[in-house]
Amino acid sequence: MYAFEERLQNQHPDNKHVRDKISEQLQMLRDEGIVEFVRIPLKTAPNSHGS
């Protein structure tokens, strides 16, 4: 969700807390039931020892 952070920072150069604001807005949307946070399991790396 932070893919737009750089673009937003460029549009609002005086705002030093763009990432914080993105997080805040996402949490607000979650609390309002508009978005749902889901966890995606990370893939584990294959065993490099050949076991």
PDB file of N, CA and C in Angstrom:
ATOM      1  N   MET A   1       0.796  -1.192   0.000  1.00  0.00           N
ATOM      2  CA  MET A   1       0.000   0.000   0.000  1.00  0.00           C
ATOM      3  C   MET A   1       0.839   1.257   0.000  1.00  0.00           C
ATOM      4  N   TYR A   2       2.111   1.081   0.187  1.00  0.00           N
ATOM      5  CA  TYR A   2       2.976   2.261   0.240  1.00  0.00           C
ATOM      6  C   TYR A   2       3.602   2.573  -1.123  1.00  0.00           C
ATOM      7  N   ALA A   3       3.068   1.970  -2.175  1.00  0.00           N
ATOM      8  CA  ALA A   3       3.616   2.175  -3.513  1.00  0.00           C
ATOM      9  C   ALA A   3       3.529   3.635  -3.953  1.00  0.00           C
ATOM     10  N   PHE A   4       2.595   4.383  -3.400  1.00  0.00           N
ATOM     11  CA  PHE A   4       2.399   5.785  -3.790  1.00  0.00           C
ATOM     12  C   PHE A   4       3.121   6.754  -2.869  1.00  0.00           C
ATOM     13  N   GLU A   5       3.873   6.239  -1.921  1.00  0.00           N
ATOM     14  CA  GLU A   5       4.515   7.110  -0.938  1.00  0.00           C
ATOM     15  C   GLU A   5       5.426   8.153  -1.595  1.00  0.00           C
ATOM     16  N   GLU A   6       6.270   7.728  -2.500  1.00  0.00           N
ATOM     17  CA  GLU A   6       7.203   8.667  -3.148  1.00  0.00           C
ATOM     18  C   GLU A   6       6.446   9.723  -3.944  1.00  0.00           C
ATOM     19  N   ARG A   7       5.428   9.288  -4.673  1.00  0.00           N
ATOM     20  CA  ARG A   7       4.638  10.229  -5.472  1.00  0.00           C
ATOM     21  C   ARG A   7       3.947  11.254  -4.573  1.00  0.00           C
ATOM     22  N   LEU A   8       3.359  10.774  -3.481  1.00  0.00           N
ATOM     23  CA  LEU A   8       2.697  11.687  -2.557  1.00  0.00           C
ATOM     24  C   LEU A   8       3.702  12.621  -1.893  1.00  0.00           C
ATOM     25  N   GLN A   9       4.883  12.098  -1.566  1.00  0.00           N
ATOM     26  CA  GLN A   9       5.916  12.944  -0.958  1.00  0.00           C
ATOM     27  C   GLN A   9       6.340  14.049  -1.922  1.00  0.00           C
ATOM     28  N   ASN A  10       6.429  13.705  -3.207  1.00  0.00           N
ATOM     29  CA  ASN A  10       6.780  14.708  -4.212  1.00  0.00           C
ATOM     30  C   ASN A  10       5.688  15.765  -4.361  1.00  0.00           C
ATOM     31  N   GLN A  11       4.437  15.348  -4.219  1.00  0.00           N
ATOM     32  CA  GLN A  11       3.312  16.283  -4.330  1.00  0.00           C
ATOM     33  C   GLN A  11       3.173  17.168  -3.091  1.00  0.00           C
ATOM     34  N   HIS A  12       3.676  16.666  -1.962  1.00  0.00           N
ATOM     35  CA  HIS A  12       3.556  17.398  -0.689  1.00  0.00           C
ATOM     36  C   HIS A  12       4.916  17.431   0.001  1.00  0.00           C
ATOM     37  N   PRO A  13       5.867  18.169  -0.576  1.00  0.00           N
ATOM     38  CA  PRO A  13       7.250  18.135  -0.085  1.00  0.00           C
ATOM     39  C   PRO A  13       7.426  18.614   1.362  1.00  0.00           C
ATOM     40  N   ASP A  14       6.509  19.415   1.866  1.00  0.00           N
ATOM     41  CA  ASP A  14       6.630  19.898   3.245  1.00  0.00           C
ATOM     42  C   ASP A  14       6.119  18.883   4.268  1.00  0.00           C
ATOM     43  N   ASN A  15       5.419  17.864   3.790  1.00  0.00           N
ATOM     44  CA  ASN A  15       4.877  16.844   4.682  1.00  0.00           C
ATOM     45  C   ASN A  15       5.940  15.771   4.909  1.00  0.00           C
ATOM     46  N   LYS A  16       6.453  15.700   6.110  1.00  0.00           N
ATOM     47  CA  LYS A  16       7.511  14.729   6.446  1.00  0.00           C
ATOM     48  C   LYS A  16       6.937  13.444   7.034  1.00  0.00           C
ATOM     49  N   HIS A  17       5.607  13.303   6.988  1.00  0.00           N
ATOM     50  CA  HIS A  17       4.965  12.151   7.621  1.00  0.00           C
ATOM     51  C   HIS A  17       3.978  11.462   6.672  1.00  0.00           C
ATOM     52  N   VAL A  18       4.345  11.363   5.400  1.00  0.00           N
ATOM     53  CA  VAL A  18       3.449  10.783   4.399  1.00  0.00           C
ATOM     54  C   VAL A  18       3.130   9.328   4.744  1.00  0.00           C
ATOM     55  N   ARG A  19       4.130   8.535   5.085  1.00  0.00           N
ATOM     56  CA  ARG A  19       3.898   7.120   5.411  1.00  0.00           C
ATOM     57  C   ARG A  19       2.964   6.989   6.617  1.00  0.00           C
ATOM     58  N   ASP A  20       3.174   7.832   7.617  1.00  0.00           N
ATOM     59  CA  ASP A  20       2.302   7.804   8.792  1.00  0.00           C
ATOM     60  C   ASP A  20       0.854   8.118   8.418  1.00  0.00           C
ATOM     61  N   LYS A  21       0.667   9.079   7.527  1.00  0.00           N
ATOM     62  CA  LYS A  21      -0.682   9.468   7.116  1.00  0.00           C
ATOM     63  C   LYS A  21      -1.344   8.356   6.316  1.00  0.00           C
ATOM     64  N   ILE A  22      -0.580   7.679   5.463  1.00  0.00           N
ATOM     65  CA  ILE A  22      -1.127   6.543   4.715  1.00  0.00           C
ATOM     66  C   ILE A  22      -1.612   5.483   5.701  1.00  0.00           C
ATOM     67  N   SER A  23      -0.787   5.164   6.678  1.00  0.00           N
ATOM     68  CA  SER A  23      -1.139   4.171   7.685  1.00  0.00           C
ATOM     69  C   SER A  23      -2.386   4.602   8.457  1.00  0.00           C
ATOM     70  N   GLU A  24      -2.424   5.853   8.841  1.00  0.00           N
ATOM     71  CA  GLU A  24      -3.571   6.388   9.587  1.00  0.00           C
ATOM     72  C   GLU A  24      -4.856   6.262   8.777  1.00  0.00           C
ATOM     73  N   GLN A  25      -4.797   6.617   7.510  1.00  0.00           N
ATOM     74  CA  GLN A  25      -5.986   6.561   6.661  1.00  0.00           C
ATOM     75  C   GLN A  25      -6.439   5.118   6.430  1.00  0.00           C
ATOM     76  N   LEU A  26      -5.482   4.206   6.256  1.00  0.00           N
ATOM     77  CA  LEU A  26      -5.840   2.797   6.092  1.00  0.00           C
ATOM     78  C   LEU A  26      -6.513   2.255   7.347  1.00  0.00           C
ATOM     79  N   GLN A  27      -6.007   2.641   8.502  1.00  0.00           N
ATOM     80  CA  GLN A  27      -6.615   2.196   9.757  1.00  0.00           C
ATOM     81  C   GLN A  27      -8.025   2.765   9.915  1.00  0.00           C
ATOM     82  N   MET A  28      -8.213   4.010   9.506  1.00  0.00           N
ATOM     83  CA  MET A  28      -9.538   4.614   9.564  1.00  0.00           C
ATOM     84  C   MET A  28     -10.506   3.849   8.659  1.00  0.00           C
ATOM     85  N   LEU A  29     -10.056   3.533   7.446  1.00  0.00           N
ATOM     86  CA  LEU A  29     -10.901   2.776   6.515  1.00  0.00           C
ATOM     87  C   LEU A  29     -11.216   1.388   7.065  1.00  0.00           C
ATOM     88  N   ARG A  30     -10.247   0.763   7.725  1.00  0.00           N
ATOM     89  CA  ARG A  30     -10.470  -0.534   8.367  1.00  0.00           C
ATOM     90  C   ARG A  30     -11.516  -0.407   9.466  1.00  0.00           C
ATOM     91  N   ASP A  31     -11.364   0.607  10.307  1.00  0.00           N
ATOM     92  CA  ASP A  31     -12.284   0.800  11.422  1.00  0.00           C
ATOM     93  C   ASP A  31     -13.711   1.073  10.942  1.00  0.00           C
ATOM     94  N   GLU A  32     -13.846   1.700   9.784  1.00  0.00           N
ATOM     95  CA  GLU A  32     -15.158   1.991   9.203  1.00  0.00           C
ATOM     96  C   GLU A  32     -15.718   0.785   8.448  1.00  0.00           C
ATOM     97  N   GLY A  33     -14.936  -0.298   8.341  1.00  0.00           N
ATOM     98  CA  GLY A  33     -15.389  -1.498   7.642  1.00  0.00           C
ATOM     99  C   GLY A  33     -15.313  -1.388   6.132  1.00  0.00           C
ATOM    100  N   ILE A  34     -14.571  -0.391   5.645  1.00  0.00           N
ATOM    101  CA  ILE A  34     -14.462  -0.171   4.203  1.00  0.00           C
ATOM    102  C   ILE A  34     -13.394  -1.071   3.593  1.00  0.00           C
ATOM    103  N   VAL A  35     -12.327  -1.304   4.323  1.00  0.00           N
ATOM    104  CA  VAL A  35     -11.279  -2.223   3.874  1.00  0.00           C
ATOM    105  C   VAL A  35     -11.022  -3.233   4.987  1.00  0.00           C
ATOM    106  N   GLU A  36     -10.464  -4.359   4.605  1.00  0.00           N
ATOM    107  CA  GLU A  36     -10.119  -5.399   5.567  1.00  0.00           C
ATOM    108  C   GLU A  36      -8.648  -5.720   5.416  1.00  0.00           C
ATOM    109  N   PHE A  37      -7.945  -5.746   6.529  1.00  0.00           N
ATOM    110  CA  PHE A  37      -6.538  -6.122   6.508  1.00  0.00           C
ATOM    111  C   PHE A  37      -6.471  -7.639   6.489  1.00  0.00           C
ATOM    112  N   VAL A  38      -5.685  -8.184   5.589  1.00  0.00           N
ATOM    113  CA  VAL A  38      -5.492  -9.637   5.526  1.00  0.00           C
ATOM    114  C   VAL A  38      -4.006  -9.931   5.597  1.00  0.00           C
ATOM    115  N   ARG A  39      -3.687 -11.055   6.162  1.00  0.00           N
ATOM    116  CA  ARG A  39      -2.292 -11.483   6.224  1.00  0.00           C
ATOM    117  C   ARG A  39      -2.066 -12.511   5.131  1.00  0.00           C
ATOM    118  N   ILE A  40      -1.007 -12.320   4.392  1.00  0.00           N
ATOM    119  CA  ILE A  40      -0.617 -13.272   3.359  1.00  0.00           C
ATOM    120  C   ILE A  40       0.626 -13.982   3.870  1.00  0.00           C
ATOM    121  N   PRO A  41       0.568 -15.310   4.011  1.00  0.00           N
ATOM    122  CA  PRO A  41       1.738 -16.019   4.534  1.00  0.00           C
ATOM    123  C   PRO A  41       2.940 -15.857   3.601  1.00  0.00           C
ATOM    124  N   LEU A  42       4.091 -15.663   4.212  1.00  0.00           N
ATOM    125  CA  LEU A  42       5.312 -15.570   3.434  1.00  0.00           C
ATOM    126  C   LEU A  42       5.751 -16.972   3.026  1.00  0.00           C
ATOM    127  N   LYS A  43       6.266 -17.078   1.820  1.00  0.00           N
ATOM    128  CA  LYS A  43       6.806 -18.360   1.389  1.00  0.00           C
ATOM    129  C   LYS A  43       8.143 -18.566   2.074  1.00  0.00           C
ATOM    130  N   THR A  44       8.379 -19.789   2.478  1.00  0.00           N
ATOM    131  CA  THR A  44       9.672 -20.084   3.092  1.00  0.00           C
ATOM    132  C   THR A  44      10.627 -20.486   1.999  1.00  0.00           C
ATOM    133  N   ALA A  45      11.882 -20.122   2.199  1.00  0.00           N
ATOM    134  CA  ALA A  45      12.915 -20.456   1.216  1.00  0.00           C
ATOM    135  C   ALA A  45      13.175 -21.962   1.275  1.00  0.00           C
ATOM    136  N   PRO A  46      13.435 -22.559   0.122  1.00  0.00           N
ATOM    137  CA  PRO A  46      13.766 -23.986   0.124  1.00  0.00           C
ATOM    138  C   PRO A  46      15.036 -24.233   0.932  1.00  0.00           C
ATOM    139  N   ASN A  47      15.133 -25.396   1.505  1.00  0.00           N
ATOM    140  CA  ASN A  47      16.291 -25.766   2.305  1.00  0.00           C
ATOM    141  C   ASN A  47      17.518 -25.797   1.412  1.00  0.00           C
ATOM    142  N   SER A  48      18.494 -24.950   1.712  1.00  0.00           N
ATOM    143  CA  SER A  48      19.680 -24.853   0.857  1.00  0.00           C
ATOM    144  C   SER A  48      20.667 -25.981   1.113  1.00  0.00           C
ATOM    145  N   HIS A  49      20.383 -26.844   2.096  1.00  0.00           N
ATOM    146  CA  HIS A  49      21.290 -27.953   2.416  1.00  0.00           C
ATOM    147  C   HIS A  49      20.888 -29.238   1.722  1.00  0.00           C
ATOM    148  N   GLY A  50      19.898 -29.183   0.863  1.00  0.00           N
ATOM    149  CA  GLY A  50      19.506 -30.352   0.112  1.00  0.00           C
ATOM    150  C   GLY A  50      18.739 -31.377   0.907  1.00  0.00           C
ATOM    151  N   SER A  51      18.237 -31.031   2.079  1.00  0.00           N
ATOM    152  CA  SER A  51      17.489 -31.986   2.898  1.00  0.00           C
ATOM    153  C   SER A  51      16.031 -31.961   2.539  1.00  0.00           C
TER     154      SER A  51
END
